[in-house]
Amino acid sequence: MNAEVPKSTLSPAAPFIAAEAHVDAAAVQPLPNSRKIYVPGSRPDIQVPMREITQADTPTGMGGEKNPPIFVYDCSGPYSDPAAKIDIRQGLRV
């Protein structure tokens, strides 16, 4: 069975050109109040991506109480790593 794409869903005015493909700048911008870090995994060659999120101080009657950062697993892949060079034509490289 051959499934054909209906012509009405194709956009001849804006064809996909691989040589011009790029990642939108907003996709690789740093996330506010956080930074990507890596923690050692169960083996020396495994680095687990985490995000360290800073918290604002809690207001008190005598100033502010410091809050520690929160650490969460970061599943964003290389897009949120400022050291990563993203080229979607090359794919993921180790």
PDB file of N, CA and C in Angstrom:
ATOM      1  N   MET A   1       0.841  -1.177   0.000  1.00  0.00           N
ATOM      2  CA  MET A   1       0.000   0.000   0.000  1.00  0.00           C
ATOM      3  C   MET A   1       0.889   1.243   0.000  1.00  0.00           C
ATOM      4  N   ASN A   2       0.653   2.129  -0.926  1.00  0.00           N
ATOM      5  CA  ASN A   2       1.422   3.353  -1.017  1.00  0.00           C
ATOM      6  C   ASN A   2       0.626   4.498  -0.404  1.00  0.00           C
ATOM      7  N   ALA A   3       1.195   5.125   0.601  1.00  0.00           N
ATOM      8  CA  ALA A   3       0.525   6.270   1.214  1.00  0.00           C
ATOM      9  C   ALA A   3       1.118   7.533   0.607  1.00  0.00           C
ATOM     10  N   GLU A   4       0.295   8.321  -0.010  1.00  0.00           N
ATOM     11  CA  GLU A   4       0.762   9.560  -0.606  1.00  0.00           C
ATOM     12  C   GLU A   4       0.387  10.729   0.281  1.00  0.00           C
ATOM     13  N   VAL A   5       1.277  11.711   0.321  1.00  0.00           N
ATOM     14  CA  VAL A   5       1.001  12.924   1.078  1.00  0.00           C
ATOM     15  C   VAL A   5       0.084  13.797   0.245  1.00  0.00           C
ATOM     16  N   PRO A   6      -1.032  14.231   0.813  1.00  0.00           N
ATOM     17  CA  PRO A   6      -1.931  15.102   0.039  1.00  0.00           C
ATOM     18  C   PRO A   6      -1.194  16.359  -0.394  1.00  0.00           C
ATOM     19  N   LYS A   7      -1.408  16.781  -1.628  1.00  0.00           N
ATOM     20  CA  LYS A   7      -0.716  17.950  -2.151  1.00  0.00           C
ATOM     21  C   LYS A   7      -1.021  19.208  -1.357  1.00  0.00           C
ATOM     22  N   SER A   8      -2.165  19.264  -0.727  1.00  0.00           N
ATOM     23  CA  SER A   8      -2.519  20.463   0.033  1.00  0.00           C
ATOM     24  C   SER A   8      -1.627  20.670   1.248  1.00  0.00           C
ATOM     25  N   THR A   9      -0.916  19.600   1.718  1.00  0.00           N
ATOM     26  CA  THR A   9      -0.056  19.759   2.894  1.00  0.00           C
ATOM     27  C   THR A   9       1.375  20.130   2.516  1.00  0.00           C
ATOM     28  N   LEU A  10       1.712  20.076   1.224  1.00  0.00           N
ATOM     29  CA  LEU A  10       3.047  20.444   0.789  1.00  0.00           C
ATOM     30  C   LEU A  10       3.119  21.950   0.579  1.00  0.00           C
ATOM     31  N   SER A  11       4.291  22.511   0.871  1.00  0.00           N
ATOM     32  CA  SER A  11       4.449  23.953   0.727  1.00  0.00           C
ATOM     33  C   SER A  11       5.526  24.248  -0.314  1.00  0.00           C
ATOM     34  N   PRO A  12       5.156  24.406  -1.579  1.00  0.00           N
ATOM     35  CA  PRO A  12       6.160  24.663  -2.611  1.00  0.00           C
ATOM     36  C   PRO A  12       6.840  26.016  -2.440  1.00  0.00           C
ATOM     37  N   ALA A  13       6.227  26.930  -1.717  1.00  0.00           N
ATOM     38  CA  ALA A  13       6.820  28.248  -1.515  1.00  0.00           C
ATOM     39  C   ALA A  13       8.012  28.198  -0.562  1.00  0.00           C
ATOM     40  N   ALA A  14       8.081  27.187   0.311  1.00  0.00           N
ATOM     41  CA  ALA A  14       9.162  27.103   1.289  1.00  0.00           C
ATOM     42  C   ALA A  14       9.702  25.681   1.360  1.00  0.00           C
ATOM     43  N   PRO A  15      10.411  25.240   0.328  1.00  0.00           N
ATOM     44  CA  PRO A  15      10.941  23.869   0.362  1.00  0.00           C
ATOM     45  C   PRO A  15      12.051  23.747   1.400  1.00  0.00           C
ATOM     46  N   PHE A  16      12.223  22.544   1.913  1.00  0.00           N
ATOM     47  CA  PHE A  16      13.298  22.285   2.869  1.00  0.00           C
ATOM     48  C   PHE A  16      14.606  22.143   2.109  1.00  0.00           C
ATOM     49  N   ILE A  17      15.588  22.938   2.490  1.00  0.00           N
ATOM     50  CA  ILE A  17      16.912  22.873   1.874  1.00  0.00           C
ATOM     51  C   ILE A  17      17.897  22.542   2.987  1.00  0.00           C
ATOM     52  N   ALA A  18      18.445  21.330   2.961  1.00  0.00           N
ATOM     53  CA  ALA A  18      19.308  20.855   4.042  1.00  0.00           C
ATOM     54  C   ALA A  18      20.500  21.775   4.279  1.00  0.00           C
ATOM     55  N   ALA A  19      21.066  22.329   3.247  1.00  0.00           N
ATOM     56  CA  ALA A  19      22.239  23.187   3.411  1.00  0.00           C
ATOM     57  C   ALA A  19      21.925  24.445   4.216  1.00  0.00           C
ATOM     58  N   GLU A  20      20.660  24.829   4.256  1.00  0.00           N
ATOM     59  CA  GLU A  20      20.265  26.037   4.986  1.00  0.00           C
ATOM     60  C   GLU A  20      19.651  25.716   6.343  1.00  0.00           C
ATOM     61  N   ALA A  21      19.586  24.449   6.709  1.00  0.00           N
ATOM     62  CA  ALA A  21      18.978  24.053   7.980  1.00  0.00           C
ATOM     63  C   ALA A  21      19.816  24.574   9.146  1.00  0.00           C
ATOM     64  N   HIS A  22      19.144  24.994  10.201  1.00  0.00           N
ATOM     65  CA  HIS A  22      19.842  25.497  11.380  1.00  0.00           C
ATOM     66  C   HIS A  22      18.956  25.340  12.609  1.00  0.00           C
ATOM     67  N   VAL A  23      19.567  25.481  13.755  1.00  0.00           N
ATOM     68  CA  VAL A  23      18.831  25.445  15.012  1.00  0.00           C
ATOM     69  C   VAL A  23      18.454  26.878  15.364  1.00  0.00           C
ATOM     70  N   ASP A  24      17.217  27.093  15.722  1.00  0.00           N
ATOM     71  CA  ASP A  24      16.755  28.409  16.108  1.00  0.00           C
ATOM     72  C   ASP A  24      17.550  28.906  17.308  1.00  0.00           C
ATOM     73  N   ALA A  25      17.950  30.159  17.310  1.00  0.00           N
ATOM     74  CA  ALA A  25      18.763  30.723  18.396  1.00  0.00           C
ATOM     75  C   ALA A  25      18.086  30.580  19.755  1.00  0.00           C
ATOM     76  N   ALA A  26      16.769  30.656  19.803  1.00  0.00           N
ATOM     77  CA  ALA A  26      16.060  30.525  21.081  1.00  0.00           C
ATOM     78  C   ALA A  26      16.227  29.133  21.682  1.00  0.00           C
ATOM     79  N   ALA A  27      16.484  28.125  20.846  1.00  0.00           N
ATOM     80  CA  ALA A  27      16.621  26.752  21.345  1.00  0.00           C
ATOM     81  C   ALA A  27      17.930  26.524  22.085  1.00  0.00           C
ATOM     82  N   VAL A  28      18.913  27.366  21.863  1.00  0.00           N
ATOM     83  CA  VAL A  28      20.213  27.179  22.504  1.00  0.00           C
ATOM     84  C   VAL A  28      20.553  28.295  23.486  1.00  0.00           C
ATOM     85  N   GLN A  29      19.608  29.161  23.774  1.00  0.00           N
ATOM     86  CA  GLN A  29      19.835  30.219  24.753  1.00  0.00           C
ATOM     87  C   GLN A  29      19.917  29.625  26.154  1.00  0.00           C
ATOM     88  N   PRO A  30      20.754  30.205  27.025  1.00  0.00           N
ATOM     89  CA  PRO A  30      20.817  29.699  28.398  1.00  0.00           C
ATOM     90  C   PRO A  30      19.463  29.859  29.104  1.00  0.00           C
ATOM     91  N   LEU A  31      19.159  28.919  29.967  1.00  0.00           N
ATOM     92  CA  LEU A  31      17.930  29.014  30.754  1.00  0.00           C
ATOM     93  C   LEU A  31      18.185  29.956  31.927  1.00  0.00           C
ATOM     94  N   PRO A  32      17.210  30.773  32.291  1.00  0.00           N
ATOM     95  CA  PRO A  32      17.431  31.758  33.352  1.00  0.00           C
ATOM     96  C   PRO A  32      17.647  31.096  34.718  1.00  0.00           C
ATOM     97  N   ASN A  33      18.514  31.716  35.508  1.00  0.00           N
ATOM     98  CA  ASN A  33      18.781  31.300  36.896  1.00  0.00           C
ATOM     99  C   ASN A  33      19.245  29.852  37.020  1.00  0.00           C
ATOM    100  N   SER A  34      19.924  29.351  36.002  1.00  0.00           N
ATOM    101  CA  SER A  34      20.405  27.980  36.091  1.00  0.00           C
ATOM    102  C   SER A  34      21.628  27.794  35.214  1.00  0.00           C
ATOM    103  N   ARG A  35      22.314  26.683  35.461  1.00  0.00           N
ATOM    104  CA  ARG A  35      23.451  26.331  34.620  1.00  0.00           C
ATOM    105  C   ARG A  35      23.506  24.818  34.498  1.00  0.00           C
ATOM    106  N   LYS A  36      24.002  24.358  33.365  1.00  0.00           N
ATOM    107  CA  LYS A  36      24.125  22.923  33.127  1.00  0.00           C
ATOM    108  C   LYS A  36      25.420  22.452  33.769  1.00  0.00           C
ATOM    109  N   ILE A  37      25.337  21.345  34.498  1.00  0.00           N
ATOM    110  CA  ILE A  37      26.513  20.735  35.100  1.00  0.00           C
ATOM    111  C   ILE A  37      26.474  19.246  34.800  1.00  0.00           C
ATOM    112  N   TYR A  38      27.580  18.574  35.017  1.00  0.00           N
ATOM    113  CA  TYR A  38      27.652  17.126  34.842  1.00  0.00           C
ATOM    114  C   TYR A  38      28.177  16.517  36.127  1.00  0.00           C
ATOM    115  N   VAL A  39      27.524  15.471  36.606  1.00  0.00           N
ATOM    116  CA  VAL A  39      27.980  14.764  37.803  1.00  0.00           C
ATOM    117  C   VAL A  39      28.433  13.368  37.387  1.00  0.00           C
ATOM    118  N   PRO A  40      29.426  12.819  38.096  1.00  0.00           N
ATOM    119  CA  PRO A  40      29.910  11.482  37.729  1.00  0.00           C
ATOM    120  C   PRO A  40      28.803  10.444  37.848  1.00  0.00           C
ATOM    121  N   GLY A  41      28.796   9.522  36.901  1.00  0.00           N
ATOM    122  CA  GLY A  41      27.822   8.438  36.909  1.00  0.00           C
ATOM    123  C   GLY A  41      28.385   7.220  37.618  1.00  0.00           C
ATOM    124  N   SER A  42      27.835   6.066  37.331  1.00  0.00           N
ATOM    125  CA  SER A  42      28.252   4.828  37.979  1.00  0.00           C
ATOM    126  C   SER A  42      29.597   4.320  37.459  1.00  0.00           C
ATOM    127  N   ARG A  43      30.039   4.867  36.324  1.00  0.00           N
ATOM    128  CA  ARG A  43      31.343   4.523  35.764  1.00  0.00           C
ATOM    129  C   ARG A  43      32.068   5.826  35.453  1.00  0.00           C
ATOM    130  N   PRO A  44      33.391   5.793  35.399  1.00  0.00           N
ATOM    131  CA  PRO A  44      34.146   7.026  35.147  1.00  0.00           C
ATOM    132  C   PRO A  44      33.834   7.682  33.800  1.00  0.00           C
ATOM    133  N   ASP A  45      33.403   6.892  32.806  1.00  0.00           N
ATOM    134  CA  ASP A  45      33.133   7.459  31.486  1.00  0.00           C
ATOM    135  C   ASP A  45      31.694   7.959  31.320  1.00  0.00           C
ATOM    136  N   ILE A  46      30.919   7.952  32.385  1.00  0.00           N
ATOM    137  CA  ILE A  46      29.529   8.430  32.329  1.00  0.00           C
ATOM    138  C   ILE A  46      29.429   9.745  33.087  1.00  0.00           C
ATOM    139  N   GLN A  47      28.913  10.751  32.412  1.00  0.00           N
ATOM    140  CA  GLN A  47      28.655  12.051  33.022  1.00  0.00           C
ATOM    141  C   GLN A  47      27.159  12.312  32.919  1.00  0.00           C
ATOM    142  N   VAL A  48      26.502  12.501  34.040  1.00  0.00           N
ATOM    143  CA  VAL A  48      25.052  12.683  34.072  1.00  0.00           C
ATOM    144  C   VAL A  48      24.738  14.176  33.998  1.00  0.00           C
ATOM    145  N   PRO A  49      23.956  14.594  32.994  1.00  0.00           N
ATOM    146  CA  PRO A  49      23.628  16.018  32.882  1.00  0.00           C
ATOM    147  C   PRO A  49      22.597  16.429  33.933  1.00  0.00           C
ATOM    148  N   MET A  50      22.928  17.487  34.637  1.00  0.00           N
ATOM    149  CA  MET A  50      22.036  18.035  35.663  1.00  0.00           C
ATOM    150  C   MET A  50      21.929  19.536  35.436  1.00  0.00           C
ATOM    151  N   ARG A  51      20.916  20.116  36.014  1.00  0.00           N
ATOM    152  CA  ARG A  51      20.748  21.563  35.974  1.00  0.00           C
ATOM    153  C   ARG A  51      20.740  22.067  37.405  1.00  0.00           C
ATOM    154  N   GLU A  52      21.628  23.020  37.687  1.00  0.00           N
ATOM    155  CA  GLU A  52      21.675  23.671  38.995  1.00  0.00           C
ATOM    156  C   GLU A  52      20.838  24.943  38.889  1.00  0.00           C
ATOM    157  N   ILE A  53      19.748  24.988  39.629  1.00  0.00           N
ATOM    158  CA  ILE A  53      18.817  26.113  39.570  1.00  0.00           C
ATOM    159  C   ILE A  53      18.968  26.935  40.841  1.00  0.00           C
ATOM    160  N   THR A  54      19.288  28.211  40.667  1.00  0.00           N
ATOM    161  CA  THR A  54      19.419  29.084  41.831  1.00  0.00           C
ATOM    162  C   THR A  54      18.037  29.564  42.259  1.00  0.00           C
ATOM    163  N   GLN A  55      17.901  29.760  43.563  1.00  0.00           N
ATOM    164  CA  GLN A  55      16.640  30.244  44.118  1.00  0.00           C
ATOM    165  C   GLN A  55      16.833  31.641  44.686  1.00  0.00           C
ATOM    166  N   ALA A  56      15.798  32.426  44.643  1.00  0.00           N
ATOM    167  CA  ALA A  56      15.833  33.747  45.267  1.00  0.00           C
ATOM    168  C   ALA A  56      15.821  33.583  46.782  1.00  0.00           C
ATOM    169  N   ASP A  57      16.290  34.606  47.473  1.00  0.00           N
ATOM    170  CA  ASP A  57      16.250  34.591  48.931  1.00  0.00           C
ATOM    171  C   ASP A  57      14.806  34.663  49.414  1.00  0.00           C
ATOM    172  N   THR A  58      14.546  34.049  50.563  1.00  0.00           N
ATOM    173  CA  THR A  58      13.235  34.134  51.189  1.00  0.00           C
ATOM    174  C   THR A  58      13.194  35.405  52.034  1.00  0.00           C
ATOM    175  N   PRO A  59      12.245  36.299  51.765  1.00  0.00           N
ATOM    176  CA  PRO A  59      12.180  37.526  52.557  1.00  0.00           C
ATOM    177  C   PRO A  59      11.893  37.216  54.028  1.00  0.00           C
ATOM    178  N   THR A  60      12.594  37.895  54.898  1.00  0.00           N
ATOM    179  CA  THR A  60      12.349  37.772  56.341  1.00  0.00           C
ATOM    180  C   THR A  60      12.269  39.172  56.926  1.00  0.00           C
ATOM    181  N   GLY A  61      11.925  39.248  58.193  1.00  0.00           N
ATOM    182  CA  GLY A  61      11.832  40.544  58.866  1.00  0.00           C
ATOM    183  C   GLY A  61      13.167  41.257  58.967  1.00  0.00           C
ATOM    184  N   MET A  62      14.264  40.516  58.875  1.00  0.00           N
ATOM    185  CA  MET A  62      15.593  41.124  59.031  1.00  0.00           C
ATOM    186  C   MET A  62      16.437  40.919  57.770  1.00  0.00           C
ATOM    187  N   GLY A  63      15.842  41.045  56.629  1.00  0.00           N
ATOM    188  CA  GLY A  63      16.578  40.881  55.376  1.00  0.00           C
ATOM    189  C   GLY A  63      16.055  39.697  54.594  1.00  0.00           C
ATOM    190  N   GLY A  64      16.954  38.794  54.253  1.00  0.00           N
ATOM    191  CA  GLY A  64      16.554  37.636  53.476  1.00  0.00           C
ATOM    192  C   GLY A  64      17.287  36.398  53.927  1.00  0.00           C
ATOM    193  N   GLU A  65      16.625  35.272  53.809  1.00  0.00           N
ATOM    194  CA  GLU A  65      17.229  33.990  54.146  1.00  0.00           C
ATOM    195  C   GLU A  65      17.678  33.332  52.846  1.00  0.00           C
ATOM    196  N   LYS A  66      18.953  32.932  52.793  1.00  0.00           N
ATOM    197  CA  LYS A  66      19.496  32.294  51.596  1.00  0.00           C
ATOM    198  C   LYS A  66      18.858  30.923  51.390  1.00  0.00           C
ATOM    199  N   ASN A  67      18.567  30.600  50.155  1.00  0.00           N
ATOM    200  CA  ASN A  67      18.049  29.284  49.790  1.00  0.00           C
ATOM    201  C   ASN A  67      19.094  28.565  48.946  1.00  0.00           C
ATOM    202  N   PRO A  68      19.303  27.284  49.186  1.00  0.00           N
ATOM    203  CA  PRO A  68      20.305  26.552  48.410  1.00  0.00           C
ATOM    204  C   PRO A  68      19.809  26.296  46.990  1.00  0.00           C
ATOM    205  N   PRO A  69      20.732  26.025  46.061  1.00  0.00           N
ATOM    206  CA  PRO A  69      20.296  25.684  44.708  1.00  0.00           C
ATOM    207  C   PRO A  69      19.588  24.337  44.690  1.00  0.00           C
ATOM    208  N   ILE A  70      18.779  24.139  43.667  1.00  0.00           N
ATOM    209  CA  ILE A  70      18.069  22.874  43.450  1.00  0.00           C
ATOM    210  C   ILE A  70      18.741  22.200  42.260  1.00  0.00           C
ATOM    211  N   PHE A  71      18.966  20.888  42.360  1.00  0.00           N
ATOM    212  CA  PHE A  71      19.574  20.126  41.276  1.00  0.00           C
ATOM    213  C   PHE A  71      18.533  19.190  40.679  1.00  0.00           C
ATOM    214  N   VAL A  72      18.368  19.267  39.364  1.00  0.00           N
ATOM    215  CA  VAL A  72      17.405  18.420  38.669  1.00  0.00           C
ATOM    216  C   VAL A  72      18.089  17.772  37.468  1.00  0.00           C
ATOM    217  N   TYR A  73      17.575  16.619  37.056  1.00  0.00           N
ATOM    218  CA  TYR A  73      18.086  15.950  35.866  1.00  0.00           C
ATOM    219  C   TYR A  73      17.792  16.812  34.651  1.00  0.00           C
ATOM    220  N   ASP A  74      18.750  16.953  33.762  1.00  0.00           N
ATOM    221  CA  ASP A  74      18.589  17.790  32.580  1.00  0.00           C
ATOM    222  C   ASP A  74      18.511  16.902  31.337  1.00  0.00           C
ATOM    223  N   CYS A  75      17.322  16.787  30.769  1.00  0.00           N
ATOM    224  CA  CYS A  75      17.124  15.927  29.599  1.00  0.00           C
ATOM    225  C   CYS A  75      17.140  16.724  28.297  1.00  0.00           C
ATOM    226  N   SER A  76      17.676  17.943  28.324  1.00  0.00           N
ATOM    227  CA  SER A  76      17.642  18.794  27.134  1.00  0.00           C
ATOM    228  C   SER A  76      18.679  18.414  26.084  1.00  0.00           C
ATOM    229  N   GLY A  77      19.556  17.484  26.384  1.00  0.00           N
ATOM    230  CA  GLY A  77      20.568  17.082  25.414  1.00  0.00           C
ATOM    231  C   GLY A  77      21.610  18.160  25.224  1.00  0.00           C
ATOM    232  N   PRO A  78      22.306  18.150  24.116  1.00  0.00           N
ATOM    233  CA  PRO A  78      23.397  19.100  23.923  1.00  0.00           C
ATOM    234  C   PRO A  78      22.936  20.537  23.697  1.00  0.00           C
ATOM    235  N   TYR A  79      21.659  20.741  23.453  1.00  0.00           N
ATOM    236  CA  TYR A  79      21.186  22.085  23.129  1.00  0.00           C
ATOM    237  C   TYR A  79      21.389  23.092  24.246  1.00  0.00           C
ATOM    238  N   SER A  80      21.406  22.666  25.486  1.00  0.00           N
ATOM    239  CA  SER A  80      21.574  23.609  26.585  1.00  0.00           C
ATOM    240  C   SER A  80      22.999  23.632  27.115  1.00  0.00           C
ATOM    241  N   ASP A  81      23.929  22.971  26.435  1.00  0.00           N
ATOM    242  CA  ASP A  81      25.329  22.984  26.845  1.00  0.00           C
ATOM    243  C   ASP A  81      26.034  24.102  26.079  1.00  0.00           C
ATOM    244  N   PRO A  82      26.498  25.154  26.781  1.00  0.00           N
ATOM    245  CA  PRO A  82      27.117  26.276  26.069  1.00  0.00           C
ATOM    246  C   PRO A  82      28.385  25.884  25.317  1.00  0.00           C
ATOM    247  N   ALA A  83      29.019  24.779  25.689  1.00  0.00           N
ATOM    248  CA  ALA A  83      30.244  24.346  25.015  1.00  0.00           C
ATOM    249  C   ALA A  83      29.956  23.533  23.751  1.00  0.00           C
ATOM    250  N   ALA A  84      28.708  23.127  23.551  1.00  0.00           N
ATOM    251  CA  ALA A  84      28.360  22.275  22.415  1.00  0.00           C
ATOM    252  C   ALA A  84      28.194  23.101  21.144  1.00  0.00           C
ATOM    253  N   LYS A  85      28.701  22.585  20.048  1.00  0.00           N
ATOM    254  CA  LYS A  85      28.483  23.183  18.740  1.00  0.00           C
ATOM    255  C   LYS A  85      27.408  22.353  18.051  1.00  0.00           C
ATOM    256  N   ILE A  86      26.285  22.981  17.755  1.00  0.00           N
ATOM    257  CA  ILE A  86      25.143  22.271  17.191  1.00  0.00           C
ATOM    258  C   ILE A  86      25.115  22.453  15.676  1.00  0.00           C
ATOM    259  N   ASP A  87      25.164  21.341  14.960  1.00  0.00           N
ATOM    260  CA  ASP A  87      25.009  21.342  13.507  1.00  0.00           C
ATOM    261  C   ASP A  87      24.042  20.208  13.191  1.00  0.00           C
ATOM    262  N   ILE A  88      22.787  20.538  12.918  1.00  0.00           N
ATOM    263  CA  ILE A  88      21.778  19.506  12.736  1.00  0.00           C
ATOM    264  C   ILE A  88      22.036  18.650  11.504  1.00  0.00           C
ATOM    265  N   ARG A  89      22.865  19.112  10.587  1.00  0.00           N
ATOM    266  CA  ARG A  89      23.205  18.291   9.419  1.00  0.00           C
ATOM    267  C   ARG A  89      24.183  17.179   9.800  1.00  0.00           C
ATOM    268  N   GLN A  90      24.938  17.353  10.880  1.00  0.00           N
ATOM    269  CA  GLN A  90      25.915  16.343  11.307  1.00  0.00           C
ATOM    270  C   GLN A  90      25.341  15.329  12.268  1.00  0.00           C
ATOM    271  N   GLY A  91      24.247  15.650  12.931  1.00  0.00           N
ATOM    272  CA  GLY A  91      23.658  14.749  13.923  1.00  0.00           C
ATOM    273  C   GLY A  91      24.442  14.796  15.228  1.00  0.00           C
ATOM    274  N   LEU A  92      24.132  13.885  16.131  1.00  0.00           N
ATOM    275  CA  LEU A  92      24.831  13.836  17.419  1.00  0.00           C
ATOM    276  C   LEU A  92      26.152  13.123  17.244  1.00  0.00           C
ATOM    277  N   ARG A  93      27.181  13.683  17.816  1.00  0.00           N
ATOM    278  CA  ARG A  93      28.508  13.071  17.751  1.00  0.00           C
ATOM    279  C   ARG A  93      29.032  12.886  19.155  1.00  0.00           C
ATOM    280  N   VAL A  94      29.790  11.840  19.324  1.00  0.00           N
ATOM    281  CA  VAL A  94      30.371  11.540  20.630  1.00  0.00           C
ATOM    282  C   VAL A  94      31.759  12.124  20.702  1.00  0.00           C
TER     283      VAL A  94
END
